[in-house]
């Protein structure tokens, strides 16, 4: 890929596993739901690997279909009270995001996390005013990797696919970028998937973390 500053003006960042680690709260919330529904909770690593496709998709990976809708309701009710437990920003994230912003890039959060929770989390972390857009599920009927959702994100930002890069940690992010015709998609291995798993879907780059990605792709 050519130097990003030569051809790119917009960067869409996934949230969980890419910008932040929220898996402690996610696992705790799921575990409370499982106990309430009469199931023995699955382990942290199993739950972490299931995250990425929005709450309804994740709950259907973790519970039988017969109770999945109820699990979604319970999870949504419980999560806001514990959403900041164990939350942290990955190394290199703040430097990259603020650096891109300072250089005139449009930077945005583009996530399958529900939008109300996402906005509260971004504010809690002190990123108010850094992102030009925060796009999550709930404001529209779509989720990644549906092409309509990627097009919606670009419309919110006034950006074109040919000048936009997606940064994520899962096959959902790769497919969202490809389905939306984005210029490129780069992945980090800080989230739910290993480099070997990500390589199966052929992103433009796989990086150990945001600091490495920033240097390699954006020179930041």
N, C-alpha and C. Protein backbone atom coordinates (compact mmCIF):
# COMPACT_ATOMS: atom_id res chain seq x y z
N UNK A 1 0.85 -1.20 0.00
CA UNK A 1 0.00 0.00 0.00
C UNK A 1 0.88 1.24 0.00
N UNK A 2 0.57 2.24 -0.82
CA UNK A 2 1.37 3.46 -0.80
C UNK A 2 1.24 4.19 0.52
N UNK A 3 2.13 5.12 0.73
CA UNK A 3 2.05 5.93 1.94
C UNK A 3 0.65 6.49 2.10
N UNK A 4 0.05 6.23 3.28
CA UNK A 4 -1.36 6.58 3.48
C UNK A 4 -1.62 8.06 3.28
N UNK A 5 -0.67 8.89 3.65
CA UNK A 5 -0.91 10.32 3.55
C UNK A 5 -1.03 10.78 2.09
N UNK A 6 -0.60 9.96 1.13
CA UNK A 6 -0.70 10.32 -0.27
C UNK A 6 -2.09 10.11 -0.84
N UNK A 7 -2.90 9.25 -0.19
CA UNK A 7 -4.15 8.85 -0.84
C UNK A 7 -5.33 8.68 0.10
N UNK A 8 -5.13 8.74 1.38
CA UNK A 8 -6.16 8.45 2.37
C UNK A 8 -6.48 9.71 3.18
N UNK A 9 -7.77 9.96 3.39
CA UNK A 9 -8.13 11.07 4.27
C UNK A 9 -9.05 10.67 5.40
N UNK A 10 -9.48 9.38 5.44
CA UNK A 10 -10.42 8.92 6.47
C UNK A 10 -9.97 7.57 7.01
N UNK A 11 -10.05 7.40 8.32
CA UNK A 11 -9.72 6.13 8.95
C UNK A 11 -10.86 5.73 9.89
N UNK A 12 -11.43 4.56 9.64
CA UNK A 12 -12.48 4.00 10.49
C UNK A 12 -11.85 3.00 11.44
N UNK A 13 -12.04 3.20 12.74
CA UNK A 13 -11.49 2.30 13.75
C UNK A 13 -12.61 1.48 14.38
N UNK A 14 -12.44 0.17 14.40
CA UNK A 14 -13.27 -0.67 15.25
C UNK A 14 -12.98 -0.30 16.71
N UNK A 15 -13.83 -0.74 17.63
CA UNK A 15 -13.65 -0.38 19.04
C UNK A 15 -13.09 -1.54 19.85
N UNK A 16 -13.91 -2.53 20.20
CA UNK A 16 -13.46 -3.64 21.05
C UNK A 16 -12.38 -4.46 20.36
N UNK A 17 -11.26 -4.62 21.04
CA UNK A 17 -10.17 -5.41 20.50
C UNK A 17 -9.24 -4.63 19.59
N UNK A 18 -9.64 -3.41 19.23
CA UNK A 18 -8.84 -2.57 18.33
C UNK A 18 -8.35 -1.33 19.05
N UNK A 19 -9.27 -0.54 19.55
CA UNK A 19 -8.91 0.66 20.32
C UNK A 19 -8.84 0.37 21.82
N UNK A 20 -9.77 -0.45 22.30
CA UNK A 20 -9.87 -0.69 23.74
C UNK A 20 -10.05 -2.17 24.05
N UNK A 21 -9.70 -2.52 25.27
CA UNK A 21 -9.99 -3.85 25.81
C UNK A 21 -11.14 -3.71 26.79
N UNK A 22 -12.28 -4.23 26.41
CA UNK A 22 -13.49 -4.17 27.24
C UNK A 22 -13.96 -5.58 27.61
N UNK A 23 -13.06 -6.56 27.42
CA UNK A 23 -13.46 -7.95 27.53
C UNK A 23 -13.74 -8.39 28.96
N UNK A 24 -13.13 -7.74 29.94
CA UNK A 24 -13.42 -8.10 31.34
C UNK A 24 -14.89 -7.85 31.66
N UNK A 25 -15.39 -6.66 31.29
CA UNK A 25 -16.80 -6.33 31.54
C UNK A 25 -17.72 -7.20 30.70
N UNK A 26 -17.34 -7.45 29.46
CA UNK A 26 -18.16 -8.29 28.59
C UNK A 26 -18.30 -9.68 29.18
N UNK A 27 -17.20 -10.26 29.64
CA UNK A 27 -17.25 -11.61 30.20
C UNK A 27 -18.06 -11.63 31.50
N UNK A 28 -17.87 -10.62 32.35
CA UNK A 28 -18.65 -10.59 33.59
C UNK A 28 -20.14 -10.49 33.30
N UNK A 29 -20.51 -9.62 32.36
CA UNK A 29 -21.92 -9.43 32.04
C UNK A 29 -22.52 -10.71 31.48
N UNK A 30 -21.81 -11.32 30.52
CA UNK A 30 -22.28 -12.59 29.97
C UNK A 30 -22.45 -13.64 31.07
N UNK A 31 -21.48 -13.71 31.98
CA UNK A 31 -21.52 -14.72 33.05
C UNK A 31 -22.74 -14.52 33.94
N UNK A 32 -23.05 -13.27 34.27
CA UNK A 32 -24.24 -13.00 35.09
C UNK A 32 -25.51 -13.42 34.35
N UNK A 33 -25.53 -13.17 33.05
CA UNK A 33 -26.69 -13.59 32.25
C UNK A 33 -26.79 -15.11 32.24
N UNK A 34 -25.67 -15.78 32.05
CA UNK A 34 -25.68 -17.25 32.01
C UNK A 34 -26.22 -17.83 33.31
N UNK A 35 -25.75 -17.32 34.44
CA UNK A 35 -26.22 -17.82 35.73
C UNK A 35 -27.71 -17.58 35.89
N UNK A 36 -28.16 -16.40 35.50
CA UNK A 36 -29.59 -16.09 35.63
C UNK A 36 -30.45 -17.01 34.76
N UNK A 37 -29.90 -17.44 33.63
CA UNK A 37 -30.64 -18.33 32.73
C UNK A 37 -30.44 -19.81 33.05
N UNK A 38 -29.61 -20.10 34.08
CA UNK A 38 -29.43 -21.48 34.51
C UNK A 38 -28.32 -22.23 33.79
N UNK A 39 -27.35 -21.49 33.22
CA UNK A 39 -26.23 -22.12 32.51
C UNK A 39 -24.93 -21.88 33.27
N UNK A 40 -24.01 -22.82 33.16
CA UNK A 40 -22.67 -22.62 33.69
C UNK A 40 -21.92 -21.71 32.72
N UNK A 41 -21.37 -20.59 33.18
CA UNK A 41 -20.68 -19.67 32.26
C UNK A 41 -19.47 -20.30 31.60
N UNK A 42 -19.27 -19.96 30.35
CA UNK A 42 -18.08 -20.38 29.62
C UNK A 42 -16.91 -19.48 30.01
N UNK A 43 -15.70 -19.95 29.73
CA UNK A 43 -14.50 -19.24 30.14
C UNK A 43 -14.26 -17.95 29.37
N UNK A 44 -13.35 -17.16 29.93
CA UNK A 44 -13.03 -15.85 29.37
C UNK A 44 -12.58 -15.95 27.92
N UNK A 45 -11.66 -16.84 27.60
CA UNK A 45 -11.13 -16.94 26.24
C UNK A 45 -12.20 -17.33 25.24
N UNK A 46 -13.09 -18.22 25.64
CA UNK A 46 -14.17 -18.64 24.75
C UNK A 46 -15.08 -17.45 24.42
N UNK A 47 -15.41 -16.67 25.44
CA UNK A 47 -16.30 -15.52 25.25
C UNK A 47 -15.59 -14.45 24.42
N UNK A 48 -14.34 -14.20 24.72
CA UNK A 48 -13.57 -13.21 23.96
C UNK A 48 -13.59 -13.52 22.47
N UNK A 49 -13.43 -14.79 22.13
CA UNK A 49 -13.41 -15.20 20.73
C UNK A 49 -14.76 -15.05 20.04
N UNK A 50 -15.83 -14.95 20.83
CA UNK A 50 -17.18 -14.84 20.26
C UNK A 50 -17.59 -13.41 19.96
N UNK A 51 -16.81 -12.44 20.46
CA UNK A 51 -17.19 -11.03 20.36
C UNK A 51 -16.89 -10.50 18.96
N UNK A 52 -17.74 -9.56 18.49
CA UNK A 52 -17.46 -8.87 17.24
C UNK A 52 -18.65 -8.63 16.35
N UNK A 53 -19.67 -9.43 16.48
CA UNK A 53 -20.78 -9.34 15.53
C UNK A 53 -22.02 -8.65 16.06
N UNK A 54 -21.93 -7.92 17.14
CA UNK A 54 -23.04 -7.26 17.83
C UNK A 54 -23.61 -8.21 18.90
N UNK A 55 -24.35 -7.64 19.84
CA UNK A 55 -24.86 -8.44 20.97
C UNK A 55 -25.72 -9.61 20.50
N UNK A 56 -26.70 -9.43 19.61
CA UNK A 56 -27.51 -10.58 19.20
C UNK A 56 -26.69 -11.71 18.58
N UNK A 57 -25.69 -11.35 17.77
CA UNK A 57 -24.85 -12.37 17.14
C UNK A 57 -24.03 -13.10 18.20
N UNK A 58 -23.43 -12.34 19.12
CA UNK A 58 -22.59 -12.95 20.16
C UNK A 58 -23.40 -13.85 21.08
N UNK A 59 -24.58 -13.39 21.51
CA UNK A 59 -25.40 -14.20 22.40
C UNK A 59 -25.83 -15.51 21.73
N UNK A 60 -26.00 -15.50 20.43
CA UNK A 60 -26.38 -16.72 19.72
C UNK A 60 -25.21 -17.69 19.56
N UNK A 61 -24.01 -17.19 19.75
CA UNK A 61 -22.84 -18.08 19.81
C UNK A 61 -22.69 -18.70 21.20
N UNK A 62 -23.23 -18.02 22.21
CA UNK A 62 -23.00 -18.42 23.59
C UNK A 62 -24.18 -19.14 24.23
N UNK A 63 -25.37 -19.00 23.64
CA UNK A 63 -26.57 -19.61 24.23
C UNK A 63 -27.37 -20.34 23.16
N UNK A 64 -28.19 -21.31 23.57
CA UNK A 64 -29.10 -21.95 22.61
C UNK A 64 -30.09 -20.93 22.05
N UNK A 65 -30.55 -21.17 20.85
CA UNK A 65 -31.48 -20.26 20.18
C UNK A 65 -32.73 -20.03 21.02
N UNK A 66 -33.13 -21.03 21.79
CA UNK A 66 -34.37 -20.94 22.57
C UNK A 66 -34.33 -19.84 23.63
N UNK A 67 -33.13 -19.46 24.08
CA UNK A 67 -33.01 -18.43 25.11
C UNK A 67 -32.21 -17.21 24.63
N UNK A 68 -31.82 -17.20 23.38
CA UNK A 68 -30.93 -16.14 22.88
C UNK A 68 -31.56 -14.76 22.99
N UNK A 69 -32.84 -14.63 22.64
CA UNK A 69 -33.48 -13.31 22.71
C UNK A 69 -33.53 -12.81 24.15
N UNK A 70 -33.82 -13.69 25.09
CA UNK A 70 -33.84 -13.31 26.50
C UNK A 70 -32.43 -12.94 26.98
N UNK A 71 -31.44 -13.67 26.50
CA UNK A 71 -30.06 -13.35 26.86
C UNK A 71 -29.68 -11.95 26.38
N UNK A 72 -30.10 -11.59 25.19
CA UNK A 72 -29.83 -10.25 24.66
C UNK A 72 -30.46 -9.19 25.56
N UNK A 73 -31.72 -9.40 25.96
CA UNK A 73 -32.41 -8.45 26.83
C UNK A 73 -31.67 -8.27 28.15
N UNK A 74 -31.30 -9.38 28.76
CA UNK A 74 -30.61 -9.33 30.05
C UNK A 74 -29.25 -8.66 29.93
N UNK A 75 -28.53 -8.99 28.88
CA UNK A 75 -27.20 -8.41 28.68
C UNK A 75 -27.30 -6.89 28.53
N UNK A 76 -28.24 -6.45 27.72
CA UNK A 76 -28.40 -5.01 27.51
C UNK A 76 -28.78 -4.30 28.80
N UNK A 77 -29.55 -4.95 29.64
CA UNK A 77 -29.97 -4.34 30.90
C UNK A 77 -28.82 -4.26 31.90
N UNK A 78 -27.96 -5.26 31.90
CA UNK A 78 -26.90 -5.35 32.90
C UNK A 78 -25.63 -4.58 32.52
N UNK A 79 -25.31 -4.50 31.23
CA UNK A 79 -24.00 -4.04 30.82
C UNK A 79 -23.68 -2.59 31.21
N UNK A 80 -24.61 -1.65 31.08
CA UNK A 80 -24.25 -0.26 31.39
C UNK A 80 -23.70 -0.05 32.80
N UNK A 81 -24.12 -0.86 33.74
CA UNK A 81 -23.67 -0.68 35.13
C UNK A 81 -22.23 -1.16 35.34
N UNK A 82 -21.74 -2.01 34.45
CA UNK A 82 -20.39 -2.57 34.65
C UNK A 82 -19.48 -2.33 33.46
N UNK A 83 -19.90 -1.52 32.50
CA UNK A 83 -19.21 -1.40 31.23
C UNK A 83 -17.78 -0.89 31.34
N UNK A 84 -17.45 -0.16 32.41
CA UNK A 84 -16.10 0.39 32.54
C UNK A 84 -15.17 -0.50 33.35
N UNK A 85 -15.67 -1.63 33.84
CA UNK A 85 -14.84 -2.51 34.65
C UNK A 85 -13.71 -3.11 33.80
N UNK A 86 -12.47 -2.89 34.21
CA UNK A 86 -11.34 -3.46 33.49
C UNK A 86 -11.03 -2.80 32.16
N UNK A 87 -11.73 -1.75 31.82
CA UNK A 87 -11.57 -1.10 30.52
C UNK A 87 -10.22 -0.39 30.42
N UNK A 88 -9.52 -0.59 29.30
CA UNK A 88 -8.31 0.18 29.06
C UNK A 88 -8.07 0.36 27.58
N UNK A 89 -7.33 1.41 27.25
CA UNK A 89 -6.98 1.73 25.87
C UNK A 89 -5.66 1.04 25.54
N UNK A 90 -5.59 0.41 24.38
CA UNK A 90 -4.36 -0.29 24.01
C UNK A 90 -3.20 0.67 23.78
N UNK A 91 -2.01 0.17 24.01
CA UNK A 91 -0.79 0.94 23.79
C UNK A 91 -0.72 1.43 22.35
N UNK A 92 -0.40 2.67 22.17
CA UNK A 92 -0.24 3.25 20.84
C UNK A 92 -1.49 3.86 20.26
N UNK A 93 -2.64 3.58 20.85
CA UNK A 93 -3.91 4.06 20.30
C UNK A 93 -4.00 5.58 20.36
N UNK A 94 -3.80 6.14 21.54
CA UNK A 94 -3.98 7.58 21.70
C UNK A 94 -2.99 8.36 20.82
N UNK A 95 -1.76 7.89 20.76
CA UNK A 95 -0.75 8.55 19.93
C UNK A 95 -1.17 8.55 18.46
N UNK A 96 -1.65 7.41 17.99
CA UNK A 96 -2.04 7.30 16.58
C UNK A 96 -3.28 8.13 16.27
N UNK A 97 -4.32 7.97 17.08
CA UNK A 97 -5.58 8.65 16.78
C UNK A 97 -5.41 10.17 16.85
N UNK A 98 -4.75 10.63 17.91
CA UNK A 98 -4.55 12.08 18.02
C UNK A 98 -3.57 12.59 16.95
N UNK A 99 -2.61 11.76 16.60
CA UNK A 99 -1.67 12.15 15.55
C UNK A 99 -2.34 12.28 14.20
N UNK A 100 -3.22 11.35 13.87
CA UNK A 100 -3.95 11.43 12.60
C UNK A 100 -4.87 12.64 12.59
N UNK A 101 -5.54 12.86 13.71
CA UNK A 101 -6.44 14.02 13.81
C UNK A 101 -5.65 15.31 13.57
N UNK A 102 -4.49 15.40 14.19
CA UNK A 102 -3.68 16.62 14.06
C UNK A 102 -3.19 16.83 12.64
N UNK A 103 -3.03 15.74 11.90
CA UNK A 103 -2.57 15.83 10.52
C UNK A 103 -3.70 16.04 9.52
N UNK A 104 -4.92 16.17 10.01
CA UNK A 104 -6.04 16.49 9.14
C UNK A 104 -6.85 15.32 8.65
N UNK A 105 -6.55 14.11 9.12
CA UNK A 105 -7.36 12.96 8.77
C UNK A 105 -8.70 13.02 9.50
N UNK A 106 -9.75 12.52 8.87
CA UNK A 106 -11.00 12.27 9.56
C UNK A 106 -10.90 10.89 10.21
N UNK A 107 -11.05 10.86 11.51
CA UNK A 107 -10.97 9.60 12.24
C UNK A 107 -12.32 9.33 12.91
N UNK A 108 -12.75 8.08 12.86
CA UNK A 108 -14.06 7.73 13.39
C UNK A 108 -14.05 6.35 14.02
N UNK A 109 -14.91 6.16 15.00
CA UNK A 109 -15.18 4.84 15.56
C UNK A 109 -16.30 4.21 14.75
N UNK A 110 -16.07 2.99 14.30
CA UNK A 110 -17.06 2.26 13.49
C UNK A 110 -17.17 0.86 14.07
N UNK A 111 -18.21 0.61 14.85
CA UNK A 111 -18.28 -0.57 15.70
C UNK A 111 -19.65 -1.23 15.67
N UNK A 112 -19.66 -2.51 16.00
CA UNK A 112 -20.92 -3.22 16.20
C UNK A 112 -21.41 -3.11 17.64
N UNK A 113 -20.68 -2.41 18.48
CA UNK A 113 -21.16 -2.14 19.84
C UNK A 113 -22.32 -1.15 19.74
N UNK A 114 -23.26 -1.24 20.65
CA UNK A 114 -24.42 -0.37 20.58
C UNK A 114 -24.02 1.08 20.80
N UNK A 115 -24.64 1.96 20.07
CA UNK A 115 -24.18 3.34 19.95
C UNK A 115 -24.23 4.10 21.28
N UNK A 116 -25.26 3.89 22.09
CA UNK A 116 -25.36 4.61 23.36
C UNK A 116 -24.19 4.25 24.27
N UNK A 117 -23.89 2.96 24.36
CA UNK A 117 -22.78 2.50 25.17
C UNK A 117 -21.46 3.02 24.61
N UNK A 118 -21.32 2.99 23.29
CA UNK A 118 -20.09 3.44 22.64
C UNK A 118 -19.80 4.90 22.95
N UNK A 119 -20.81 5.74 22.82
CA UNK A 119 -20.60 7.17 23.08
C UNK A 119 -20.20 7.42 24.53
N UNK A 120 -20.83 6.72 25.46
CA UNK A 120 -20.48 6.89 26.87
C UNK A 120 -19.05 6.43 27.13
N UNK A 121 -18.65 5.34 26.49
CA UNK A 121 -17.31 4.82 26.68
C UNK A 121 -16.26 5.78 26.14
N UNK A 122 -16.49 6.33 24.95
CA UNK A 122 -15.56 7.27 24.35
C UNK A 122 -15.41 8.51 25.24
N UNK A 123 -16.51 9.00 25.79
CA UNK A 123 -16.46 10.16 26.69
C UNK A 123 -15.70 9.81 27.97
N UNK A 124 -15.98 8.63 28.52
CA UNK A 124 -15.31 8.19 29.74
C UNK A 124 -13.80 8.13 29.57
N UNK A 125 -13.35 7.77 28.38
CA UNK A 125 -11.92 7.62 28.11
C UNK A 125 -11.24 8.94 27.74
N UNK A 126 -12.02 10.02 27.65
CA UNK A 126 -11.45 11.32 27.38
C UNK A 126 -11.15 11.59 25.92
N UNK A 127 -11.87 10.91 25.02
CA UNK A 127 -11.65 11.10 23.60
C UNK A 127 -12.67 12.05 22.97
N UNK A 128 -13.43 12.76 23.77
CA UNK A 128 -14.38 13.74 23.22
C UNK A 128 -13.63 14.74 22.34
N UNK A 129 -14.16 15.01 21.17
CA UNK A 129 -13.56 15.98 20.28
C UNK A 129 -12.46 15.43 19.39
N UNK A 130 -12.06 14.19 19.61
CA UNK A 130 -10.99 13.61 18.79
C UNK A 130 -11.58 12.95 17.54
N UNK A 131 -12.67 12.24 17.72
CA UNK A 131 -13.28 11.52 16.60
C UNK A 131 -14.27 12.40 15.86
N UNK A 132 -14.20 12.34 14.55
CA UNK A 132 -15.12 13.11 13.71
C UNK A 132 -16.48 12.43 13.59
N UNK A 133 -16.55 11.18 13.98
CA UNK A 133 -17.82 10.47 13.98
C UNK A 133 -17.73 9.25 14.87
N UNK A 134 -18.85 8.87 15.48
CA UNK A 134 -18.95 7.65 16.27
C UNK A 134 -20.17 6.91 15.74
N UNK A 135 -19.93 5.78 15.08
CA UNK A 135 -20.98 5.04 14.41
C UNK A 135 -21.06 3.65 15.05
N UNK A 136 -22.21 3.33 15.63
CA UNK A 136 -22.43 2.03 16.25
C UNK A 136 -23.80 1.51 15.91
N UNK A 137 -24.13 0.32 16.37
CA UNK A 137 -25.43 -0.27 16.06
C UNK A 137 -26.53 0.38 16.90
N UNK A 138 -27.71 0.42 16.34
CA UNK A 138 -28.86 0.99 17.03
C UNK A 138 -29.42 2.20 16.35
N UNK A 139 -28.56 3.03 15.76
CA UNK A 139 -29.04 4.20 15.03
C UNK A 139 -29.60 3.81 13.66
N UNK A 140 -29.17 2.66 13.15
CA UNK A 140 -29.64 2.14 11.87
C UNK A 140 -29.97 0.66 12.06
N UNK A 141 -30.61 0.02 11.09
CA UNK A 141 -30.90 -1.42 11.22
C UNK A 141 -29.71 -2.29 10.85
N UNK A 142 -28.56 -1.70 10.53
CA UNK A 142 -27.44 -2.46 9.98
C UNK A 142 -26.34 -2.71 10.99
N UNK A 143 -25.47 -3.65 10.66
CA UNK A 143 -24.26 -3.94 11.43
C UNK A 143 -23.18 -4.40 10.46
N UNK A 144 -21.93 -4.31 10.89
CA UNK A 144 -20.84 -4.89 10.10
C UNK A 144 -21.04 -6.41 10.00
N UNK A 145 -20.87 -7.00 8.83
CA UNK A 145 -20.23 -6.47 7.62
C UNK A 145 -21.21 -6.05 6.52
N UNK A 146 -22.44 -5.67 6.87
CA UNK A 146 -23.38 -5.27 5.84
C UNK A 146 -22.89 -4.02 5.10
N UNK A 147 -22.91 -4.05 3.77
CA UNK A 147 -22.40 -2.90 3.01
C UNK A 147 -23.14 -1.61 3.30
N UNK A 148 -24.43 -1.72 3.64
CA UNK A 148 -25.20 -0.52 3.96
C UNK A 148 -24.65 0.21 5.17
N UNK A 149 -24.11 -0.55 6.11
CA UNK A 149 -23.57 0.06 7.32
C UNK A 149 -22.28 0.82 7.01
N UNK A 150 -21.44 0.22 6.18
CA UNK A 150 -20.21 0.91 5.78
C UNK A 150 -20.53 2.16 4.98
N UNK A 151 -21.49 2.06 4.07
CA UNK A 151 -21.88 3.25 3.29
C UNK A 151 -22.44 4.34 4.20
N UNK A 152 -23.21 3.93 5.21
CA UNK A 152 -23.75 4.90 6.17
C UNK A 152 -22.62 5.62 6.89
N UNK A 153 -21.59 4.90 7.32
CA UNK A 153 -20.47 5.52 8.01
C UNK A 153 -19.79 6.56 7.12
N UNK A 154 -19.62 6.23 5.86
CA UNK A 154 -18.99 7.16 4.93
C UNK A 154 -19.86 8.39 4.70
N UNK A 155 -21.17 8.19 4.64
CA UNK A 155 -22.08 9.32 4.47
C UNK A 155 -22.02 10.26 5.67
N UNK A 156 -21.96 9.69 6.87
CA UNK A 156 -21.87 10.50 8.09
C UNK A 156 -20.63 11.38 8.05
N UNK A 157 -19.54 10.84 7.53
CA UNK A 157 -18.26 11.54 7.52
C UNK A 157 -18.04 12.37 6.26
N UNK A 158 -18.89 12.18 5.26
CA UNK A 158 -18.67 12.86 3.99
C UNK A 158 -17.42 12.37 3.29
N UNK A 159 -17.17 11.07 3.38
CA UNK A 159 -15.95 10.48 2.85
C UNK A 159 -16.25 9.53 1.69
N UNK A 160 -15.23 9.23 0.92
CA UNK A 160 -15.37 8.30 -0.20
C UNK A 160 -14.65 7.00 0.11
N UNK A 161 -15.15 5.87 -0.38
CA UNK A 161 -14.50 4.59 -0.09
C UNK A 161 -13.07 4.52 -0.60
N UNK A 162 -12.78 5.16 -1.71
CA UNK A 162 -11.44 5.07 -2.29
C UNK A 162 -10.38 5.80 -1.48
N UNK A 163 -10.81 6.61 -0.51
CA UNK A 163 -9.86 7.36 0.32
C UNK A 163 -9.99 7.00 1.81
N UNK A 164 -10.56 5.80 2.07
CA UNK A 164 -10.84 5.39 3.45
C UNK A 164 -10.18 4.06 3.77
N UNK A 165 -9.60 3.98 4.95
CA UNK A 165 -9.00 2.75 5.47
C UNK A 165 -9.79 2.29 6.69
N UNK A 166 -9.99 0.98 6.79
CA UNK A 166 -10.60 0.37 7.97
C UNK A 166 -9.50 -0.25 8.81
N UNK A 167 -9.56 -0.03 10.13
CA UNK A 167 -8.64 -0.66 11.07
C UNK A 167 -9.47 -1.46 12.06
N UNK A 168 -9.20 -2.77 12.15
CA UNK A 168 -10.00 -3.61 13.03
C UNK A 168 -9.23 -4.80 13.54
N UNK A 169 -9.96 -5.75 14.12
CA UNK A 169 -9.31 -6.93 14.70
C UNK A 169 -10.02 -8.23 14.36
N UNK A 170 -10.99 -8.20 13.46
CA UNK A 170 -11.76 -9.41 13.22
C UNK A 170 -12.20 -9.54 11.75
N UNK A 171 -12.64 -10.73 11.37
CA UNK A 171 -13.17 -10.91 10.01
C UNK A 171 -14.36 -10.01 9.71
N UNK A 172 -15.13 -9.61 10.74
CA UNK A 172 -16.24 -8.68 10.53
C UNK A 172 -15.71 -7.36 9.95
N UNK A 173 -14.57 -6.90 10.45
CA UNK A 173 -13.99 -5.64 9.99
C UNK A 173 -13.46 -5.78 8.56
N UNK A 174 -12.83 -6.90 8.28
CA UNK A 174 -12.31 -7.13 6.93
C UNK A 174 -13.46 -7.18 5.93
N UNK A 175 -14.51 -7.92 6.27
CA UNK A 175 -15.66 -8.02 5.36
C UNK A 175 -16.37 -6.69 5.21
N UNK A 176 -16.47 -5.91 6.29
CA UNK A 176 -17.12 -4.60 6.20
C UNK A 176 -16.37 -3.70 5.24
N UNK A 177 -15.04 -3.74 5.29
CA UNK A 177 -14.23 -2.92 4.39
C UNK A 177 -14.37 -3.39 2.95
N UNK A 178 -14.30 -4.69 2.74
CA UNK A 178 -14.41 -5.22 1.38
C UNK A 178 -15.80 -4.97 0.80
N UNK A 179 -16.82 -5.23 1.61
CA UNK A 179 -18.20 -5.04 1.13
C UNK A 179 -18.51 -3.59 0.83
N UNK A 180 -17.83 -2.68 1.53
CA UNK A 180 -18.04 -1.26 1.30
C UNK A 180 -17.09 -0.65 0.28
N UNK A 181 -16.22 -1.47 -0.29
CA UNK A 181 -15.30 -0.99 -1.32
C UNK A 181 -14.23 -0.05 -0.81
N UNK A 182 -13.82 -0.19 0.46
CA UNK A 182 -12.82 0.71 1.02
C UNK A 182 -11.44 0.48 0.40
N UNK A 183 -10.62 1.50 0.47
CA UNK A 183 -9.30 1.45 -0.13
C UNK A 183 -8.46 0.32 0.45
N UNK A 184 -8.52 0.13 1.76
CA UNK A 184 -7.70 -0.89 2.41
C UNK A 184 -8.27 -1.22 3.78
N UNK A 185 -7.84 -2.37 4.31
CA UNK A 185 -8.21 -2.76 5.66
C UNK A 185 -6.98 -3.37 6.33
N UNK A 186 -6.65 -2.85 7.51
CA UNK A 186 -5.52 -3.34 8.30
C UNK A 186 -6.03 -3.84 9.64
N UNK A 187 -5.41 -4.92 10.12
CA UNK A 187 -5.87 -5.55 11.35
C UNK A 187 -4.76 -5.62 12.39
N UNK A 188 -5.19 -5.60 13.65
CA UNK A 188 -4.29 -5.81 14.79
C UNK A 188 -4.69 -7.11 15.48
N UNK A 189 -3.72 -7.72 16.15
CA UNK A 189 -3.97 -9.00 16.81
C UNK A 189 -4.20 -8.83 18.31
N UNK A 190 -4.63 -7.64 18.72
CA UNK A 190 -4.89 -7.36 20.13
C UNK A 190 -6.28 -7.83 20.56
N UNK A 191 -7.12 -8.22 19.60
CA UNK A 191 -8.50 -8.54 19.91
C UNK A 191 -8.82 -10.01 19.92
N UNK A 192 -9.84 -10.38 19.17
CA UNK A 192 -10.43 -11.71 19.26
C UNK A 192 -9.76 -12.75 18.36
N UNK A 193 -8.90 -12.32 17.43
CA UNK A 193 -8.39 -13.26 16.43
C UNK A 193 -6.87 -13.17 16.30
N UNK A 194 -6.28 -14.31 16.05
CA UNK A 194 -4.83 -14.40 15.87
C UNK A 194 -4.45 -13.97 14.46
N UNK A 195 -3.16 -13.79 14.25
CA UNK A 195 -2.67 -13.44 12.92
C UNK A 195 -3.03 -14.52 11.91
N UNK A 196 -2.93 -15.78 12.32
CA UNK A 196 -3.26 -16.88 11.42
C UNK A 196 -4.74 -16.86 11.04
N UNK A 197 -5.60 -16.59 11.99
CA UNK A 197 -7.03 -16.52 11.70
C UNK A 197 -7.35 -15.35 10.78
N UNK A 198 -6.73 -14.20 11.03
CA UNK A 198 -6.98 -13.02 10.21
C UNK A 198 -6.46 -13.20 8.80
N UNK A 199 -5.34 -13.88 8.66
CA UNK A 199 -4.73 -14.07 7.34
C UNK A 199 -5.66 -14.82 6.39
N UNK A 200 -6.53 -15.64 6.92
CA UNK A 200 -7.48 -16.40 6.09
C UNK A 200 -8.34 -15.47 5.24
N UNK A 201 -8.65 -14.26 5.77
CA UNK A 201 -9.52 -13.32 5.07
C UNK A 201 -8.76 -12.24 4.31
N UNK A 202 -7.44 -12.37 4.28
CA UNK A 202 -6.58 -11.56 3.41
C UNK A 202 -6.75 -10.03 3.58
N UNK A 203 -6.53 -9.51 4.79
CA UNK A 203 -6.49 -8.04 4.93
C UNK A 203 -5.22 -7.51 4.27
N UNK A 204 -5.13 -6.21 4.13
CA UNK A 204 -3.95 -5.61 3.50
C UNK A 204 -2.74 -5.63 4.42
N UNK A 205 -2.98 -5.77 5.71
CA UNK A 205 -1.88 -5.86 6.65
C UNK A 205 -2.34 -6.41 7.97
N UNK A 206 -1.45 -7.12 8.66
CA UNK A 206 -1.72 -7.65 10.00
C UNK A 206 -0.60 -7.17 10.90
N UNK A 207 -0.95 -6.58 12.03
CA UNK A 207 0.02 -5.92 12.89
C UNK A 207 -0.16 -6.37 14.33
N UNK A 208 0.94 -6.38 15.08
CA UNK A 208 0.90 -6.86 16.46
C UNK A 208 0.14 -5.92 17.38
N UNK A 209 0.06 -4.65 17.01
CA UNK A 209 -0.64 -3.66 17.83
C UNK A 209 -0.72 -2.34 17.11
N UNK A 210 -1.33 -1.36 17.76
CA UNK A 210 -1.58 -0.09 17.11
C UNK A 210 -0.31 0.72 16.89
N UNK A 211 0.66 0.57 17.79
CA UNK A 211 1.92 1.31 17.59
C UNK A 211 2.61 0.86 16.31
N UNK A 212 2.69 -0.46 16.10
CA UNK A 212 3.30 -0.97 14.87
C UNK A 212 2.51 -0.57 13.64
N UNK A 213 1.18 -0.67 13.73
CA UNK A 213 0.33 -0.29 12.60
C UNK A 213 0.53 1.18 12.25
N UNK A 214 0.56 2.04 13.27
CA UNK A 214 0.72 3.46 13.03
C UNK A 214 2.00 3.79 12.28
N UNK A 215 3.09 3.14 12.69
CA UNK A 215 4.37 3.38 12.02
C UNK A 215 4.35 2.84 10.60
N UNK A 216 3.85 1.62 10.42
CA UNK A 216 3.92 0.97 9.11
C UNK A 216 2.98 1.58 8.08
N UNK A 217 1.80 1.95 8.49
CA UNK A 217 0.77 2.38 7.53
C UNK A 217 0.72 3.88 7.39
N UNK A 218 0.86 4.60 8.50
CA UNK A 218 0.65 6.05 8.48
C UNK A 218 1.91 6.86 8.81
N UNK A 219 2.97 6.20 9.17
CA UNK A 219 4.17 6.93 9.53
C UNK A 219 4.00 7.78 10.77
N UNK A 220 3.16 7.34 11.69
CA UNK A 220 2.89 8.07 12.93
C UNK A 220 3.52 7.31 14.10
